[in-house]
Amino acid sequence: MNLKFNNESIIVYDDTYEVHIQKKIFGGYTLKKYLKDSIFDILETRDIRVDISQEEAIELGKELLGKVYRSKNSFKNFNPIIT
């Protein structure tokens, strides 16, 4: 698990997935999990609507990163429009 800090977001990533953590304007965070190197293959989104600390948001991102998905084709030809 690695961390990368950008101007507008934090990215928690490993060899396969990335979790983008973005702070909301009126408090809370949005977490989005993607297949690495493909921002169109979004796997999961979470909205945190309470004002939590950045450290708590990163911990939630780590939990989301560790989540295992079981699929017949392991997301090789994943197209969210078709599903």
N, C-alpha and C. Protein backbone atom coordinates (compact mmCIF):
# COMPACT_ATOMS: atom_id res chain seq x y z
N MET A 1 0.85 -1.17 0.00
CA MET A 1 0.00 0.00 0.00
C MET A 1 0.89 1.24 0.00
N ASN A 2 0.61 2.14 -0.91
CA ASN A 2 1.36 3.38 -1.03
C ASN A 2 0.41 4.57 -1.01
N LEU A 3 0.94 5.73 -0.67
CA LEU A 3 0.17 6.97 -0.64
C LEU A 3 0.80 7.99 -1.58
N LYS A 4 -0.06 8.74 -2.28
CA LYS A 4 0.39 9.84 -3.12
C LYS A 4 -0.53 11.02 -2.84
N PHE A 5 0.05 12.17 -2.53
CA PHE A 5 -0.73 13.38 -2.25
C PHE A 5 -0.69 14.30 -3.46
N ASN A 6 -1.86 14.62 -4.01
CA ASN A 6 -2.00 15.59 -5.09
C ASN A 6 -2.57 16.88 -4.50
N ASN A 7 -2.74 17.90 -5.32
CA ASN A 7 -3.31 19.16 -4.84
C ASN A 7 -4.73 18.99 -4.34
N GLU A 8 -5.54 18.21 -5.06
CA GLU A 8 -6.96 18.11 -4.73
C GLU A 8 -7.36 16.77 -4.12
N SER A 9 -6.47 15.77 -4.14
CA SER A 9 -6.87 14.46 -3.65
C SER A 9 -5.67 13.70 -3.09
N ILE A 10 -6.00 12.58 -2.45
CA ILE A 10 -5.02 11.64 -1.94
C ILE A 10 -5.28 10.34 -2.67
N ILE A 11 -4.23 9.66 -3.10
CA ILE A 11 -4.39 8.38 -3.78
C ILE A 11 -3.71 7.30 -2.96
N VAL A 12 -4.48 6.28 -2.59
CA VAL A 12 -3.97 5.10 -1.91
C VAL A 12 -3.95 4.01 -2.98
N TYR A 13 -2.80 3.35 -3.19
CA TYR A 13 -2.73 2.40 -4.29
C TYR A 13 -1.83 1.21 -3.97
N ASP A 14 -2.05 0.15 -4.76
CA ASP A 14 -1.17 -1.02 -4.73
C ASP A 14 -0.91 -1.40 -6.19
N ASP A 15 -0.53 -2.65 -6.45
CA ASP A 15 -0.19 -3.05 -7.81
C ASP A 15 -1.40 -3.13 -8.74
N THR A 16 -2.60 -3.30 -8.20
CA THR A 16 -3.79 -3.53 -9.02
C THR A 16 -4.80 -2.40 -8.98
N TYR A 17 -5.01 -1.79 -7.80
CA TYR A 17 -6.09 -0.82 -7.61
C TYR A 17 -5.57 0.52 -7.11
N GLU A 18 -6.41 1.55 -7.29
CA GLU A 18 -6.17 2.88 -6.73
C GLU A 18 -7.46 3.34 -6.06
N VAL A 19 -7.33 4.00 -4.92
CA VAL A 19 -8.47 4.63 -4.26
C VAL A 19 -8.17 6.13 -4.21
N HIS A 20 -9.03 6.92 -4.86
CA HIS A 20 -8.89 8.37 -4.87
C HIS A 20 -9.77 8.93 -3.75
N ILE A 21 -9.17 9.71 -2.87
CA ILE A 21 -9.88 10.31 -1.74
C ILE A 21 -9.92 11.81 -1.98
N GLN A 22 -11.14 12.35 -2.08
CA GLN A 22 -11.29 13.77 -2.37
C GLN A 22 -12.17 14.42 -1.30
N LYS A 23 -11.70 15.52 -0.75
CA LYS A 23 -12.45 16.25 0.27
C LYS A 23 -13.60 17.00 -0.38
N LYS A 24 -14.76 16.95 0.29
CA LYS A 24 -15.93 17.68 -0.19
C LYS A 24 -15.90 19.11 0.33
N ILE A 25 -16.56 20.01 -0.34
CA ILE A 25 -16.56 21.43 0.02
C ILE A 25 -17.20 21.66 1.38
N PHE A 26 -18.32 21.01 1.65
CA PHE A 26 -19.04 21.25 2.89
C PHE A 26 -18.81 20.17 3.95
N GLY A 27 -17.68 19.51 3.91
CA GLY A 27 -17.32 18.49 4.88
C GLY A 27 -17.54 17.09 4.37
N GLY A 28 -16.68 16.18 4.79
CA GLY A 28 -16.77 14.80 4.35
C GLY A 28 -15.81 14.52 3.20
N TYR A 29 -15.86 13.28 2.72
CA TYR A 29 -14.97 12.84 1.66
C TYR A 29 -15.72 11.96 0.67
N THR A 30 -15.19 11.89 -0.55
CA THR A 30 -15.64 10.93 -1.55
C THR A 30 -14.48 10.01 -1.85
N LEU A 31 -14.73 8.70 -1.79
CA LEU A 31 -13.71 7.70 -2.09
C LEU A 31 -14.14 6.94 -3.33
N LYS A 32 -13.24 6.80 -4.29
CA LYS A 32 -13.53 6.07 -5.52
C LYS A 32 -12.41 5.08 -5.79
N LYS A 33 -12.80 3.82 -6.01
CA LYS A 33 -11.82 2.77 -6.27
C LYS A 33 -11.81 2.44 -7.76
N TYR A 34 -10.62 2.44 -8.35
CA TYR A 34 -10.43 2.19 -9.78
C TYR A 34 -9.45 1.04 -9.99
N LEU A 35 -9.54 0.41 -11.17
CA LEU A 35 -8.45 -0.44 -11.62
C LEU A 35 -7.29 0.48 -11.93
N LYS A 36 -6.09 0.09 -11.59
CA LYS A 36 -4.92 0.95 -11.79
C LYS A 36 -4.73 1.27 -13.27
N ASP A 37 -4.37 2.50 -13.56
CA ASP A 37 -4.11 3.01 -14.91
C ASP A 37 -5.35 3.00 -15.81
N SER A 38 -6.54 3.03 -15.22
CA SER A 38 -7.75 3.07 -16.02
C SER A 38 -8.84 3.79 -15.23
N ILE A 39 -8.94 5.10 -15.35
CA ILE A 39 -9.91 5.85 -14.55
C ILE A 39 -11.35 5.61 -14.99
N PHE A 40 -11.54 4.89 -16.11
CA PHE A 40 -12.89 4.59 -16.56
C PHE A 40 -13.44 3.33 -15.92
N ASP A 41 -12.59 2.49 -15.36
CA ASP A 41 -13.01 1.25 -14.74
C ASP A 41 -13.19 1.45 -13.23
N ILE A 42 -14.24 2.18 -12.86
CA ILE A 42 -14.52 2.44 -11.45
C ILE A 42 -15.21 1.21 -10.86
N LEU A 43 -14.74 0.77 -9.71
CA LEU A 43 -15.28 -0.42 -9.08
C LEU A 43 -16.25 -0.09 -7.96
N GLU A 44 -15.95 0.96 -7.20
CA GLU A 44 -16.80 1.29 -6.06
C GLU A 44 -16.63 2.75 -5.70
N THR A 45 -17.71 3.35 -5.22
CA THR A 45 -17.69 4.73 -4.74
C THR A 45 -18.32 4.77 -3.35
N ARG A 46 -17.72 5.55 -2.46
CA ARG A 46 -18.28 5.76 -1.13
C ARG A 46 -18.33 7.25 -0.84
N ASP A 47 -19.41 7.69 -0.26
CA ASP A 47 -19.57 9.08 0.15
C ASP A 47 -19.59 9.13 1.67
N ILE A 48 -18.66 9.87 2.24
CA ILE A 48 -18.64 10.10 3.68
C ILE A 48 -19.20 11.50 3.89
N ARG A 49 -20.34 11.62 4.55
CA ARG A 49 -21.01 12.90 4.66
C ARG A 49 -20.79 13.62 5.99
N VAL A 50 -20.01 13.02 6.86
CA VAL A 50 -19.67 13.68 8.12
C VAL A 50 -18.23 14.18 8.02
N ASP A 51 -17.93 15.19 8.79
CA ASP A 51 -16.60 15.78 8.74
C ASP A 51 -15.64 14.94 9.59
N ILE A 52 -14.84 14.09 8.92
CA ILE A 52 -13.86 13.26 9.61
C ILE A 52 -12.46 13.80 9.30
N SER A 53 -11.48 13.30 10.02
CA SER A 53 -10.12 13.77 9.80
C SER A 53 -9.53 13.13 8.54
N GLN A 54 -8.47 13.72 8.04
CA GLN A 54 -7.79 13.19 6.86
C GLN A 54 -7.24 11.80 7.15
N GLU A 55 -6.75 11.57 8.35
CA GLU A 55 -6.21 10.27 8.73
C GLU A 55 -7.30 9.19 8.70
N GLU A 56 -8.51 9.55 9.17
CA GLU A 56 -9.63 8.61 9.13
C GLU A 56 -10.02 8.31 7.68
N ALA A 57 -10.00 9.30 6.83
CA ALA A 57 -10.32 9.11 5.41
C ALA A 57 -9.29 8.18 4.76
N ILE A 58 -8.03 8.34 5.11
CA ILE A 58 -6.98 7.47 4.57
C ILE A 58 -7.18 6.04 5.06
N GLU A 59 -7.55 5.85 6.31
CA GLU A 59 -7.83 4.51 6.84
C GLU A 59 -9.00 3.87 6.10
N LEU A 60 -10.05 4.64 5.81
CA LEU A 60 -11.17 4.12 5.03
C LEU A 60 -10.72 3.76 3.61
N GLY A 61 -9.82 4.55 3.05
CA GLY A 61 -9.27 4.26 1.73
C GLY A 61 -8.48 2.96 1.73
N LYS A 62 -7.72 2.72 2.80
CA LYS A 62 -6.97 1.46 2.93
C LYS A 62 -7.91 0.27 3.01
N GLU A 63 -9.00 0.43 3.76
CA GLU A 63 -10.00 -0.65 3.85
C GLU A 63 -10.61 -0.94 2.49
N LEU A 64 -10.95 0.11 1.76
CA LEU A 64 -11.54 -0.05 0.44
C LEU A 64 -10.54 -0.68 -0.52
N LEU A 65 -9.27 -0.32 -0.41
CA LEU A 65 -8.22 -0.88 -1.25
C LEU A 65 -8.08 -2.38 -1.02
N GLY A 66 -8.22 -2.81 0.23
CA GLY A 66 -8.06 -4.21 0.56
C GLY A 66 -9.25 -5.09 0.24
N LYS A 67 -10.37 -4.48 -0.13
CA LYS A 67 -11.58 -5.25 -0.43
C LYS A 67 -11.35 -6.11 -1.68
N VAL A 68 -11.78 -7.38 -1.61
CA VAL A 68 -11.58 -8.32 -2.71
C VAL A 68 -12.89 -8.47 -3.48
N TYR A 69 -12.80 -8.41 -4.80
CA TYR A 69 -13.95 -8.59 -5.67
C TYR A 69 -13.81 -9.91 -6.40
N ARG A 70 -14.89 -10.66 -6.44
CA ARG A 70 -14.87 -11.93 -7.16
C ARG A 70 -15.69 -11.77 -8.43
N SER A 71 -15.05 -12.09 -9.53
CA SER A 71 -15.68 -11.93 -10.83
C SER A 71 -15.27 -13.09 -11.73
N LYS A 72 -16.11 -13.43 -12.68
CA LYS A 72 -15.80 -14.52 -13.61
C LYS A 72 -14.59 -14.20 -14.46
N ASN A 73 -14.50 -12.98 -14.93
CA ASN A 73 -13.39 -12.62 -15.83
C ASN A 73 -12.35 -11.72 -15.16
N SER A 74 -12.40 -11.56 -13.87
CA SER A 74 -11.44 -10.74 -13.12
C SER A 74 -11.30 -9.33 -13.66
N PHE A 75 -12.40 -8.76 -14.17
CA PHE A 75 -12.45 -7.40 -14.67
C PHE A 75 -11.57 -7.15 -15.89
N LYS A 76 -11.21 -8.20 -16.62
CA LYS A 76 -10.36 -7.99 -17.80
C LYS A 76 -11.09 -7.19 -18.87
N ASN A 77 -12.35 -7.46 -19.08
CA ASN A 77 -13.14 -6.73 -20.07
C ASN A 77 -14.28 -6.00 -19.38
N PHE A 78 -13.97 -5.33 -18.31
CA PHE A 78 -14.97 -4.66 -17.51
C PHE A 78 -15.47 -3.40 -18.22
N ASN A 79 -16.77 -3.32 -18.43
CA ASN A 79 -17.37 -2.15 -19.05
C ASN A 79 -18.59 -1.76 -18.20
N PRO A 80 -18.49 -0.68 -17.41
CA PRO A 80 -19.59 -0.33 -16.51
C PRO A 80 -20.89 0.04 -17.21
N ILE A 81 -20.84 0.41 -18.48
CA ILE A 81 -22.05 0.77 -19.20
C ILE A 81 -22.88 -0.47 -19.49
N ILE A 82 -22.21 -1.59 -19.73
CA ILE A 82 -22.91 -2.84 -20.04
C ILE A 82 -23.51 -3.48 -18.81
N THR A 83 -22.86 -3.37 -17.66
CA THR A 83 -23.31 -4.05 -16.45
C THR A 83 -24.53 -3.45 -15.86
